[in-house]
Amino acid sequence: CVQLWRALWSHLPQCPLSLAELPPSEFMQVADSTWLVLNVVSNGREPPGCQATGVTKIARSVIAPLAEHHVSVLMLSTYQTDFILVRERDLPVVIHTLAGEFDIYREESGECVPVTCDDVSNGFLKSKPPTSPTLHPVQSPQTRFCVLTVAPDTLPAIATMLIDVLFYSHSPPWDAATSSQDLDSITFFSFSLIEGYISIVMDAETQKRFPSDLLLTSSTGELWRMVRIGGQPLGFDECGIVAQIAEPLAAADISAYYISTFNFDHALVPEEGIAEVIQLLQQRQENSR
């Protein structure tokens, strides 16, 4: 089992613009569920030889148990840490599922308050009979990606370029006939600002447009390849999608960043390990038949 500091924070990061402030639009669809953010924090007590980071580090202790208890999760990996989003209505199941492995806290007025199973016993849902999860198709484009961060005080220096990349540079007309087949390259850009910490995922070509001295990455400067999960929009209701990728990668001790979206899920793995990852996932697909 992956050894983590046995604590779990449940809180919603502060957002400068709330959903209620956004003007109504026919182009914006909002899921009817409210989601809570879980953050698993390590205290450095991993067993010797355990090098996996990202979603694979918490695959066995968090992701797999929640999938077994039919809890749908969304993953957001950032440069600094990983966040697991769960529906607020699933919180009793989440706490009962993880209480044996973790100390659980909730944030109240900036303070971490311990949570026990008794606090959420009302409405606890017992696990359903196990079912075979759907194994979605996986695809790996040739695009190479970077995982980066930016010092908050230097953000204004790249703000104009960020806006251009986010809203103008990559807006080709959507073509249903070709969008699912042309995977030699893929357009993907992720920007997150959580409690003052900035995390960016961009392809290596887009990175060249930014001042190199302002984008910070690991000392190795490694590049990442993507595994995209799903052949059609995945939605938010199905359980076990993250586990489909995280469990086999965790067993092989392969690090991965993971970002869930409505349409597809995306796992980023070190470039030199992409062949092994594809082989592992193909074997899992074959074994499930």
C-alpha atoms as a PDB file:
ATOM      1  CA  CYS A   1       0.000   0.000   0.000  1.00  0.00           C
ATOM      2  CA  VAL A   2       1.257   3.470  -0.816  1.00  0.00           C
ATOM      3  CA  GLN A   3       2.327   5.077   2.438  1.00  0.00           C
ATOM      4  CA  LEU A   4       1.004   8.618   2.784  1.00  0.00           C
ATOM      5  CA  TRP A   5       0.695  10.978   5.678  1.00  0.00           C
ATOM      6  CA  ARG A   6      -2.623   9.669   6.862  1.00  0.00           C
ATOM      7  CA  ALA A   7      -4.585  12.868   6.588  1.00  0.00           C
ATOM      8  CA  LEU A   8      -7.169  14.055   4.102  1.00  0.00           C
ATOM      9  CA  TRP A   9      -8.329  17.641   3.727  1.00  0.00           C
ATOM     10  CA  SER A  10     -11.789  18.373   2.359  1.00  0.00           C
ATOM     11  CA  HIS A  11     -12.143  21.948   1.236  1.00  0.00           C
ATOM     12  CA  LEU A  12     -13.009  24.126  -1.722  1.00  0.00           C
ATOM     13  CA  PRO A  13     -10.143  26.378  -2.855  1.00  0.00           C
ATOM     14  CA  GLN A  14     -11.056  30.040  -2.979  1.00  0.00           C
ATOM     15  CA  CYS A  15     -12.008  31.183  -6.462  1.00  0.00           C
ATOM     16  CA  PRO A  16     -11.819  34.850  -7.504  1.00  0.00           C
ATOM     17  CA  LEU A  17     -15.021  34.502  -9.554  1.00  0.00           C
ATOM     18  CA  SER A  18     -17.870  32.353  -8.292  1.00  0.00           C
ATOM     19  CA  LEU A  19     -20.234  30.491 -10.571  1.00  0.00           C
ATOM     20  CA  ALA A  20     -23.140  32.656  -9.404  1.00  0.00           C
ATOM     21  CA  GLU A  21     -21.386  35.738 -10.805  1.00  0.00           C
ATOM     22  CA  LEU A  22     -21.130  34.352 -14.330  1.00  0.00           C
ATOM     23  CA  PRO A  23     -23.850  35.627 -16.696  1.00  0.00           C
ATOM     24  CA  PRO A  24     -26.300  32.986 -17.966  1.00  0.00           C
ATOM     25  CA  SER A  25     -25.364  31.613 -21.363  1.00  0.00           C
ATOM     26  CA  GLU A  26     -26.726  29.000 -23.732  1.00  0.00           C
ATOM     27  CA  PHE A  27     -23.113  27.947 -24.324  1.00  0.00           C
ATOM     28  CA  MET A  28     -22.423  27.044 -20.682  1.00  0.00           C
ATOM     29  CA  GLN A  29     -23.687  23.807 -19.183  1.00  0.00           C
ATOM     30  CA  VAL A  30     -23.403  23.230 -15.432  1.00  0.00           C
ATOM     31  CA  ALA A  31     -23.648  19.821 -13.772  1.00  0.00           C
ATOM     32  CA  ASP A  32     -26.307  19.665 -11.086  1.00  0.00           C
ATOM     33  CA  SER A  33     -23.919  18.278  -8.453  1.00  0.00           C
ATOM     34  CA  THR A  34     -21.784  20.218  -5.992  1.00  0.00           C
ATOM     35  CA  TRP A  35     -18.256  18.837  -5.698  1.00  0.00           C
ATOM     36  CA  LEU A  36     -15.846  18.864  -2.767  1.00  0.00           C
ATOM     37  CA  VAL A  37     -12.080  18.823  -3.042  1.00  0.00           C
ATOM     38  CA  LEU A  38     -10.016  16.170  -1.239  1.00  0.00           C
ATOM     39  CA  ASN A  39      -6.275  16.637  -0.894  1.00  0.00           C
ATOM     40  CA  VAL A  40      -4.062  13.761   0.239  1.00  0.00           C
ATOM     41  CA  VAL A  41      -0.790  14.957   1.768  1.00  0.00           C
ATOM     42  CA  SER A  42       2.311  12.799   2.255  1.00  0.00           C
ATOM     43  CA  ASN A  43       4.701  13.126   5.177  1.00  0.00           C
ATOM     44  CA  GLY A  44       7.572  11.446   3.363  1.00  0.00           C
ATOM     45  CA  ARG A  45       7.082   7.974   4.860  1.00  0.00           C
ATOM     46  CA  GLU A  46       6.859   6.106   1.576  1.00  0.00           C
ATOM     47  CA  PRO A  47       8.444   2.661   1.592  1.00  0.00           C
ATOM     48  CA  PRO A  48      11.955   2.313   0.096  1.00  0.00           C
ATOM     49  CA  GLY A  49      11.949   2.149  -3.680  1.00  0.00           C
ATOM     50  CA  CYS A  50       8.546   3.803  -4.060  1.00  0.00           C
ATOM     51  CA  GLN A  51       9.105   6.493  -6.702  1.00  0.00           C
ATOM     52  CA  ALA A  52       5.642   6.900  -8.193  1.00  0.00           C
ATOM     53  CA  THR A  53       4.111  10.343  -8.024  1.00  0.00           C
ATOM     54  CA  GLY A  54       0.827  11.856  -9.091  1.00  0.00           C
ATOM     55  CA  VAL A  55      -2.354   9.810  -9.277  1.00  0.00           C
ATOM     56  CA  THR A  56      -0.496   6.477  -9.152  1.00  0.00           C
ATOM     57  CA  LYS A  57       0.765   7.306  -5.658  1.00  0.00           C
ATOM     58  CA  ILE A  58      -2.776   7.262  -4.268  1.00  0.00           C
ATOM     59  CA  ALA A  59      -4.217   4.634  -6.621  1.00  0.00           C
ATOM     60  CA  ARG A  60      -4.380   1.742  -4.153  1.00  0.00           C
ATOM     61  CA  SER A  61      -5.228   3.701  -1.019  1.00  0.00           C
ATOM     62  CA  VAL A  62      -7.815   6.169  -2.385  1.00  0.00           C
ATOM     63  CA  ILE A  63      -8.772   5.771  -6.046  1.00  0.00           C
ATOM     64  CA  ALA A  64      -9.419   2.004  -6.082  1.00  0.00           C
ATOM     65  CA  PRO A  65     -11.416   1.889  -2.786  1.00  0.00           C
ATOM     66  CA  LEU A  66     -13.674   4.750  -3.920  1.00  0.00           C
ATOM     67  CA  ALA A  67     -14.288   3.029  -7.261  1.00  0.00           C
ATOM     68  CA  GLU A  68     -15.186  -0.208  -5.434  1.00  0.00           C
ATOM     69  CA  HIS A  69     -17.766   1.742  -3.427  1.00  0.00           C
ATOM     70  CA  HIS A  70     -19.248   3.283  -6.572  1.00  0.00           C
ATOM     71  CA  VAL A  71     -18.016   6.811  -5.918  1.00  0.00           C
ATOM     72  CA  SER A  72     -17.438   8.835  -9.055  1.00  0.00           C
ATOM     73  CA  VAL A  73     -14.325  11.022  -8.855  1.00  0.00           C
ATOM     74  CA  LEU A  74     -12.706  13.724 -10.937  1.00  0.00           C
ATOM     75  CA  MET A  75      -8.936  14.123 -10.795  1.00  0.00           C
ATOM     76  CA  LEU A  76      -6.916  17.313 -11.085  1.00  0.00           C
ATOM     77  CA  SER A  77      -3.161  16.870 -10.923  1.00  0.00           C
ATOM     78  CA  THR A  78      -1.131  20.063 -10.624  1.00  0.00           C
ATOM     79  CA  TYR A  79       2.571  20.896 -10.536  1.00  0.00           C
ATOM     80  CA  GLN A  80       2.382  21.044  -6.728  1.00  0.00           C
ATOM     81  CA  THR A  81      -0.036  18.279  -5.725  1.00  0.00           C
ATOM     82  CA  ASP A  82      -3.126  16.252  -6.669  1.00  0.00           C
ATOM     83  CA  PHE A  83      -6.777  16.940  -5.938  1.00  0.00           C
ATOM     84  CA  ILE A  84      -9.673  14.488  -5.944  1.00  0.00           C
ATOM     85  CA  LEU A  85     -13.143  15.922  -6.488  1.00  0.00           C
ATOM     86  CA  VAL A  86     -16.137  13.990  -5.127  1.00  0.00           C
ATOM     87  CA  ARG A  87     -19.808  14.838  -5.075  1.00  0.00           C
ATOM     88  CA  GLU A  88     -20.973  16.411  -1.843  1.00  0.00           C
ATOM     89  CA  ARG A  89     -23.760  13.854  -1.584  1.00  0.00           C
ATOM     90  CA  ASP A  90     -21.144  11.051  -1.670  1.00  0.00           C
ATOM     91  CA  LEU A  91     -19.192  12.444   1.285  1.00  0.00           C
ATOM     92  CA  PRO A  92     -20.597   9.921   3.835  1.00  0.00           C
ATOM     93  CA  VAL A  93     -19.508   7.027   1.618  1.00  0.00           C
ATOM     94  CA  VAL A  94     -16.105   8.642   1.029  1.00  0.00           C
ATOM     95  CA  ILE A  95     -15.431   9.071   4.742  1.00  0.00           C
ATOM     96  CA  HIS A  96     -16.584   5.558   5.666  1.00  0.00           C
ATOM     97  CA  THR A  97     -14.455   4.141   2.849  1.00  0.00           C
ATOM     98  CA  LEU A  98     -11.251   5.996   3.747  1.00  0.00           C
ATOM     99  CA  ALA A  99     -11.524   6.266   7.531  1.00  0.00           C
ATOM    100  CA  GLY A 100      -9.681   3.000   8.091  1.00  0.00           C
ATOM    101  CA  GLU A 101      -6.669   4.185   6.092  1.00  0.00           C
ATOM    102  CA  PHE A 102      -6.572   7.921   6.793  1.00  0.00           C
ATOM    103  CA  ASP A 103      -7.110  10.527   9.450  1.00  0.00           C
ATOM    104  CA  ILE A 104      -9.682  12.854   7.936  1.00  0.00           C
ATOM    105  CA  TYR A 105     -10.057  16.590   8.530  1.00  0.00           C
ATOM    106  CA  ARG A 106     -12.339  19.279   7.207  1.00  0.00           C
ATOM    107  CA  GLU A 107     -11.444  22.924   6.936  1.00  0.00           C
ATOM    108  CA  GLU A 108     -13.443  25.344   9.061  1.00  0.00           C
ATOM    109  CA  SER A 109     -12.471  29.020   9.116  1.00  0.00           C
ATOM    110  CA  GLY A 110      -8.944  28.130   8.073  1.00  0.00           C
ATOM    111  CA  GLU A 111      -8.554  25.456  10.771  1.00  0.00           C
ATOM    112  CA  CYS A 112      -8.408  21.683  10.224  1.00  0.00           C
ATOM    113  CA  VAL A 113     -11.039  19.914  12.327  1.00  0.00           C
ATOM    114  CA  PRO A 114     -10.997  16.092  12.719  1.00  0.00           C
ATOM    115  CA  VAL A 115     -13.893  14.210  11.138  1.00  0.00           C
ATOM    116  CA  THR A 116     -15.156  10.825  12.334  1.00  0.00           C
ATOM    117  CA  CYS A 117     -17.547   8.358  10.764  1.00  0.00           C
ATOM    118  CA  ASP A 118     -20.103   9.270  13.427  1.00  0.00           C
ATOM    119  CA  ASP A 119     -20.205  12.824  12.070  1.00  0.00           C
ATOM    120  CA  VAL A 120     -21.633  11.615   8.779  1.00  0.00           C
ATOM    121  CA  SER A 121     -23.358   8.378   9.765  1.00  0.00           C
ATOM    122  CA  ASN A 122     -26.794   9.651   8.773  1.00  0.00           C
ATOM    123  CA  GLY A 123     -27.420   8.876   5.151  1.00  0.00           C
ATOM    124  CA  PHE A 124     -24.460   6.531   4.752  1.00  0.00           C
ATOM    125  CA  LEU A 125     -24.989   4.316   1.737  1.00  0.00           C
ATOM    126  CA  LYS A 126     -23.794   0.744   1.883  1.00  0.00           C
ATOM    127  CA  SER A 127     -21.760  -0.416  -1.072  1.00  0.00           C
ATOM    128  CA  LYS A 128     -23.612  -1.931  -3.997  1.00  0.00           C
ATOM    129  CA  PRO A 129     -22.855  -5.406  -5.353  1.00  0.00           C
ATOM    130  CA  PRO A 130     -19.631  -5.312  -7.388  1.00  0.00           C
ATOM    131  CA  THR A 131     -20.001  -4.884 -11.123  1.00  0.00           C
ATOM    132  CA  SER A 132     -17.467  -5.161 -13.915  1.00  0.00           C
ATOM    133  CA  PRO A 133     -16.284  -1.642 -14.777  1.00  0.00           C
ATOM    134  CA  THR A 134     -16.326  -0.451 -18.363  1.00  0.00           C
ATOM    135  CA  LEU A 135     -12.846  -0.333 -19.851  1.00  0.00           C
ATOM    136  CA  HIS A 136     -12.783   2.668 -22.151  1.00  0.00           C
ATOM    137  CA  PRO A 137     -10.504   2.871 -25.191  1.00  0.00           C
ATOM    138  CA  VAL A 138      -7.194   4.649 -24.728  1.00  0.00           C
ATOM    139  CA  GLN A 139      -5.248   6.580 -27.331  1.00  0.00           C
ATOM    140  CA  SER A 140      -1.789   8.126 -27.243  1.00  0.00           C
ATOM    141  CA  PRO A 141      -1.031  11.091 -29.522  1.00  0.00           C
ATOM    142  CA  GLN A 142       2.537  11.880 -30.506  1.00  0.00           C
ATOM    143  CA  THR A 143       2.409  15.307 -28.853  1.00  0.00           C
ATOM    144  CA  ARG A 144       5.014  15.931 -26.128  1.00  0.00           C
ATOM    145  CA  PHE A 145       3.917  17.930 -23.083  1.00  0.00           C
ATOM    146  CA  CYS A 146       5.515  19.977 -20.310  1.00  0.00           C
ATOM    147  CA  VAL A 147       4.275  20.334 -16.726  1.00  0.00           C
ATOM    148  CA  LEU A 148       5.208  23.791 -15.455  1.00  0.00           C
ATOM    149  CA  THR A 149       4.636  26.400 -12.799  1.00  0.00           C
ATOM    150  CA  VAL A 150       5.031  30.184 -12.700  1.00  0.00           C
ATOM    151  CA  ALA A 151       5.886  32.460  -9.796  1.00  0.00           C
ATOM    152  CA  PRO A 152       2.720  34.512  -9.075  1.00  0.00           C
ATOM    153  CA  ASP A 153       4.590  37.816  -9.249  1.00  0.00           C
ATOM    154  CA  THR A 154       5.730  37.068 -12.827  1.00  0.00           C
ATOM    155  CA  LEU A 155       2.263  36.102 -14.075  1.00  0.00           C
ATOM    156  CA  PRO A 156       1.488  39.597 -15.451  1.00  0.00           C
ATOM    157  CA  ALA A 157       4.508  39.304 -17.764  1.00  0.00           C
ATOM    158  CA  ILE A 158       2.935  36.365 -19.621  1.00  0.00           C
ATOM    159  CA  ALA A 159      -0.752  37.260 -19.145  1.00  0.00           C
ATOM    160  CA  THR A 160      -1.288  38.460 -22.730  1.00  0.00           C
ATOM    161  CA  MET A 161       0.281  35.317 -24.160  1.00  0.00           C
ATOM    162  CA  LEU A 162      -1.755  33.121 -21.825  1.00  0.00           C
ATOM    163  CA  ILE A 163      -4.980  34.753 -22.995  1.00  0.00           C
ATOM    164  CA  ASP A 164      -3.971  34.264 -26.620  1.00  0.00           C
ATOM    165  CA  VAL A 165      -3.168  30.574 -26.118  1.00  0.00           C
ATOM    166  CA  LEU A 166      -6.265  29.897 -24.013  1.00  0.00           C
ATOM    167  CA  PHE A 167      -8.848  31.646 -26.165  1.00  0.00           C
ATOM    168  CA  TYR A 168      -7.522  32.397 -29.648  1.00  0.00           C
ATOM    169  CA  SER A 169      -4.569  30.314 -30.850  1.00  0.00           C
ATOM    170  CA  HIS A 170      -6.161  26.870 -30.768  1.00  0.00           C
ATOM    171  CA  SER A 171      -9.696  27.258 -32.042  1.00  0.00           C
ATOM    172  CA  PRO A 172      -9.967  25.178 -35.234  1.00  0.00           C
ATOM    173  CA  PRO A 173     -13.480  24.380 -36.478  1.00  0.00           C
ATOM    174  CA  TRP A 174     -14.697  21.185 -34.834  1.00  0.00           C
ATOM    175  CA  ASP A 175     -15.203  18.368 -37.315  1.00  0.00           C
ATOM    176  CA  ALA A 176     -16.926  15.284 -35.930  1.00  0.00           C
ATOM    177  CA  ALA A 177     -15.740  13.201 -38.867  1.00  0.00           C
ATOM    178  CA  THR A 178     -12.042  13.769 -38.201  1.00  0.00           C
ATOM    179  CA  SER A 179     -11.682  14.861 -34.578  1.00  0.00           C
ATOM    180  CA  SER A 180     -11.640  11.320 -33.163  1.00  0.00           C
ATOM    181  CA  GLN A 181      -9.234   9.909 -35.753  1.00  0.00           C
ATOM    182  CA  ASP A 182      -6.443  12.473 -36.116  1.00  0.00           C
ATOM    183  CA  LEU A 183      -4.377  11.736 -33.037  1.00  0.00           C
ATOM    184  CA  ASP A 184      -0.904  12.320 -34.412  1.00  0.00           C
ATOM    185  CA  SER A 185      -1.140  15.520 -32.374  1.00  0.00           C
ATOM    186  CA  ILE A 186      -3.628  16.877 -29.882  1.00  0.00           C
ATOM    187  CA  THR A 187      -4.467  20.369 -28.674  1.00  0.00           C
ATOM    188  CA  PHE A 188      -4.334  20.434 -24.881  1.00  0.00           C
ATOM    189  CA  PHE A 189      -3.613  23.350 -22.553  1.00  0.00           C
ATOM    190  CA  SER A 190      -4.419  23.382 -18.840  1.00  0.00           C
ATOM    191  CA  PHE A 191      -4.059  26.348 -16.470  1.00  0.00           C
ATOM    192  CA  SER A 192      -4.971  26.197 -12.789  1.00  0.00           C
ATOM    193  CA  LEU A 193      -4.628  28.749  -9.999  1.00  0.00           C
ATOM    194  CA  ILE A 194      -5.284  27.160  -6.609  1.00  0.00           C
ATOM    195  CA  GLU A 195      -4.619  29.081  -3.397  1.00  0.00           C
ATOM    196  CA  GLY A 196      -1.952  31.151  -5.125  1.00  0.00           C
ATOM    197  CA  TYR A 197      -0.148  28.213  -6.751  1.00  0.00           C
ATOM    198  CA  ILE A 198      -0.073  28.154 -10.542  1.00  0.00           C
ATOM    199  CA  SER A 199       0.168  24.989 -12.624  1.00  0.00           C
ATOM    200  CA  ILE A 200       0.325  24.791 -16.421  1.00  0.00           C
ATOM    201  CA  VAL A 201       0.328  21.855 -18.821  1.00  0.00           C
ATOM    202  CA  MET A 202       1.175  22.703 -22.435  1.00  0.00           C
ATOM    203  CA  ASP A 203       2.714  21.022 -25.448  1.00  0.00           C
ATOM    204  CA  ALA A 204       6.414  21.510 -26.097  1.00  0.00           C
ATOM    205  CA  GLU A 205       5.821  23.660 -29.188  1.00  0.00           C
ATOM    206  CA  THR A 206       3.568  26.078 -27.312  1.00  0.00           C
ATOM    207  CA  GLN A 207       6.163  26.348 -24.546  1.00  0.00           C
ATOM    208  CA  LYS A 208       8.588  27.892 -27.045  1.00  0.00           C
ATOM    209  CA  ARG A 209       6.315  30.935 -27.305  1.00  0.00           C
ATOM    210  CA  PHE A 210       6.839  31.831 -23.636  1.00  0.00           C
ATOM    211  CA  PRO A 211       9.940  33.388 -22.038  1.00  0.00           C
ATOM    212  CA  SER A 212      11.975  30.405 -20.858  1.00  0.00           C
ATOM    213  CA  ASP A 213      13.213  32.191 -17.735  1.00  0.00           C
ATOM    214  CA  LEU A 214       9.647  32.606 -16.387  1.00  0.00           C
ATOM    215  CA  LEU A 215       8.403  29.032 -16.753  1.00  0.00           C
ATOM    216  CA  LEU A 216       9.638  26.779 -13.969  1.00  0.00           C
ATOM    217  CA  THR A 217       9.809  23.000 -14.241  1.00  0.00           C
ATOM    218  CA  SER A 218      11.646  20.129 -12.578  1.00  0.00           C
ATOM    219  CA  SER A 219      15.441  20.127 -12.686  1.00  0.00           C
ATOM    220  CA  THR A 220      15.393  17.268 -15.203  1.00  0.00           C
ATOM    221  CA  GLY A 221      13.138  19.183 -17.585  1.00  0.00           C
ATOM    222  CA  GLU A 222      11.448  15.929 -18.562  1.00  0.00           C
ATOM    223  CA  LEU A 223       8.761  15.785 -21.219  1.00  0.00           C
ATOM    224  CA  TRP A 224       5.517  13.872 -20.913  1.00  0.00           C
ATOM    225  CA  ARG A 225       3.307  11.882 -23.281  1.00  0.00           C
ATOM    226  CA  MET A 226      -0.453  11.674 -22.976  1.00  0.00           C
ATOM    227  CA  VAL A 227      -2.827   8.751 -22.725  1.00  0.00           C
ATOM    228  CA  ARG A 228      -6.353   9.929 -23.507  1.00  0.00           C
ATOM    229  CA  ILE A 229      -9.212   7.838 -22.114  1.00  0.00           C
ATOM    230  CA  GLY A 230     -12.619   7.604 -23.730  1.00  0.00           C
ATOM    231  CA  GLY A 231     -14.158   7.220 -27.160  1.00  0.00           C
ATOM    232  CA  GLN A 232     -17.155   9.437 -26.411  1.00  0.00           C
ATOM    233  CA  PRO A 233     -17.994  11.970 -23.658  1.00  0.00           C
ATOM    234  CA  LEU A 234     -17.481  10.247 -20.303  1.00  0.00           C
ATOM    235  CA  GLY A 235     -19.667  12.551 -18.229  1.00  0.00           C
ATOM    236  CA  PHE A 236     -19.517  12.560 -14.436  1.00  0.00           C
ATOM    237  CA  ASP A 237     -21.608   9.581 -13.339  1.00  0.00           C
ATOM    238  CA  GLU A 238     -19.494   6.534 -14.146  1.00  0.00           C
ATOM    239  CA  CYS A 239     -17.150   5.096 -11.515  1.00  0.00           C
ATOM    240  CA  GLY A 240     -13.755   3.493 -12.059  1.00  0.00           C
ATOM    241  CA  ILE A 241     -12.485   5.544 -15.009  1.00  0.00           C
ATOM    242  CA  VAL A 242      -9.503   6.935 -13.094  1.00  0.00           C
ATOM    243  CA  ALA A 243      -8.824   3.521 -11.560  1.00  0.00           C
ATOM    244  CA  GLN A 244      -8.627   1.981 -15.063  1.00  0.00           C
ATOM    245  CA  ILE A 245      -5.407   3.905 -15.645  1.00  0.00           C
ATOM    246  CA  ALA A 246      -4.106   4.506 -12.127  1.00  0.00           C
ATOM    247  CA  GLU A 247      -4.108   0.906 -10.879  1.00  0.00           C
ATOM    248  CA  PRO A 248      -1.936  -0.705 -13.602  1.00  0.00           C
ATOM    249  CA  LEU A 249       0.462   2.259 -13.553  1.00  0.00           C
ATOM    250  CA  ALA A 250       0.742   2.068  -9.774  1.00  0.00           C
ATOM    251  CA  ALA A 251       1.512  -1.652  -9.986  1.00  0.00           C
ATOM    252  CA  ALA A 252       4.375  -0.812 -12.366  1.00  0.00           C
ATOM    253  CA  ASP A 253       5.521   2.156 -10.215  1.00  0.00           C
ATOM    254  CA  ILE A 254       5.037   4.619 -13.097  1.00  0.00           C
ATOM    255  CA  SER A 255       4.359   8.256 -12.258  1.00  0.00           C
ATOM    256  CA  ALA A 256       1.402  10.019 -13.879  1.00  0.00           C
ATOM    257  CA  TYR A 257      -0.371  13.344 -13.825  1.00  0.00           C
ATOM    258  CA  TYR A 258      -4.110  13.018 -14.377  1.00  0.00           C
ATOM    259  CA  ILE A 259      -6.680  15.594 -15.481  1.00  0.00           C
ATOM    260  CA  SER A 260     -10.383  14.744 -15.776  1.00  0.00           C
ATOM    261  CA  THR A 261     -12.720  16.613 -18.106  1.00  0.00           C
ATOM    262  CA  PHE A 262     -16.319  16.060 -19.189  1.00  0.00           C
ATOM    263  CA  ASN A 263     -15.354  14.646 -22.589  1.00  0.00           C
ATOM    264  CA  PHE A 264     -12.145  12.726 -21.908  1.00  0.00           C
ATOM    265  CA  ASP A 265      -9.708  11.901 -19.126  1.00  0.00           C
ATOM    266  CA  HIS A 266      -6.015  12.576 -19.674  1.00  0.00           C
ATOM    267  CA  ALA A 267      -3.028  10.856 -18.063  1.00  0.00           C
ATOM    268  CA  LEU A 268       0.451  12.273 -18.598  1.00  0.00           C
ATOM    269  CA  VAL A 269       3.336   9.824 -18.173  1.00  0.00           C
ATOM    270  CA  PRO A 270       7.112  10.303 -18.605  1.00  0.00           C
ATOM    271  CA  GLU A 271       8.025  10.209 -22.295  1.00  0.00           C
ATOM    272  CA  GLU A 272      10.516   7.378 -21.930  1.00  0.00           C
ATOM    273  CA  GLY A 273       7.841   5.140 -20.373  1.00  0.00           C
ATOM    274  CA  ILE A 274       5.037   5.569 -22.914  1.00  0.00           C
ATOM    275  CA  ALA A 275       5.698   2.242 -24.701  1.00  0.00           C
ATOM    276  CA  GLU A 276       5.473   0.327 -21.405  1.00  0.00           C
ATOM    277  CA  VAL A 277       2.295   2.199 -20.443  1.00  0.00           C
ATOM    278  CA  ILE A 278       0.556   1.401 -23.736  1.00  0.00           C
ATOM    279  CA  GLN A 279       1.553  -2.262 -23.374  1.00  0.00           C
ATOM    280  CA  LEU A 280       0.191  -2.426 -19.811  1.00  0.00           C
ATOM    281  CA  LEU A 281      -3.130  -0.877 -20.802  1.00  0.00           C
ATOM    282  CA  GLN A 282      -3.489  -3.092 -23.870  1.00  0.00           C
ATOM    283  CA  GLN A 283      -2.883  -6.174 -21.738  1.00  0.00           C
ATOM    284  CA  ARG A 284      -5.570  -5.040 -19.318  1.00  0.00           C
ATOM    285  CA  GLN A 285      -8.004  -4.575 -22.197  1.00  0.00           C
ATOM    286  CA  GLU A 286      -7.247  -8.073 -23.525  1.00  0.00           C
ATOM    287  CA  ASN A 287      -7.525  -9.702 -20.089  1.00  0.00           C
ATOM    288  CA  SER A 288     -10.970  -8.170 -19.571  1.00  0.00           C
ATOM    289  CA  ARG A 289     -12.443  -9.787 -22.650  1.00  0.00           C
END
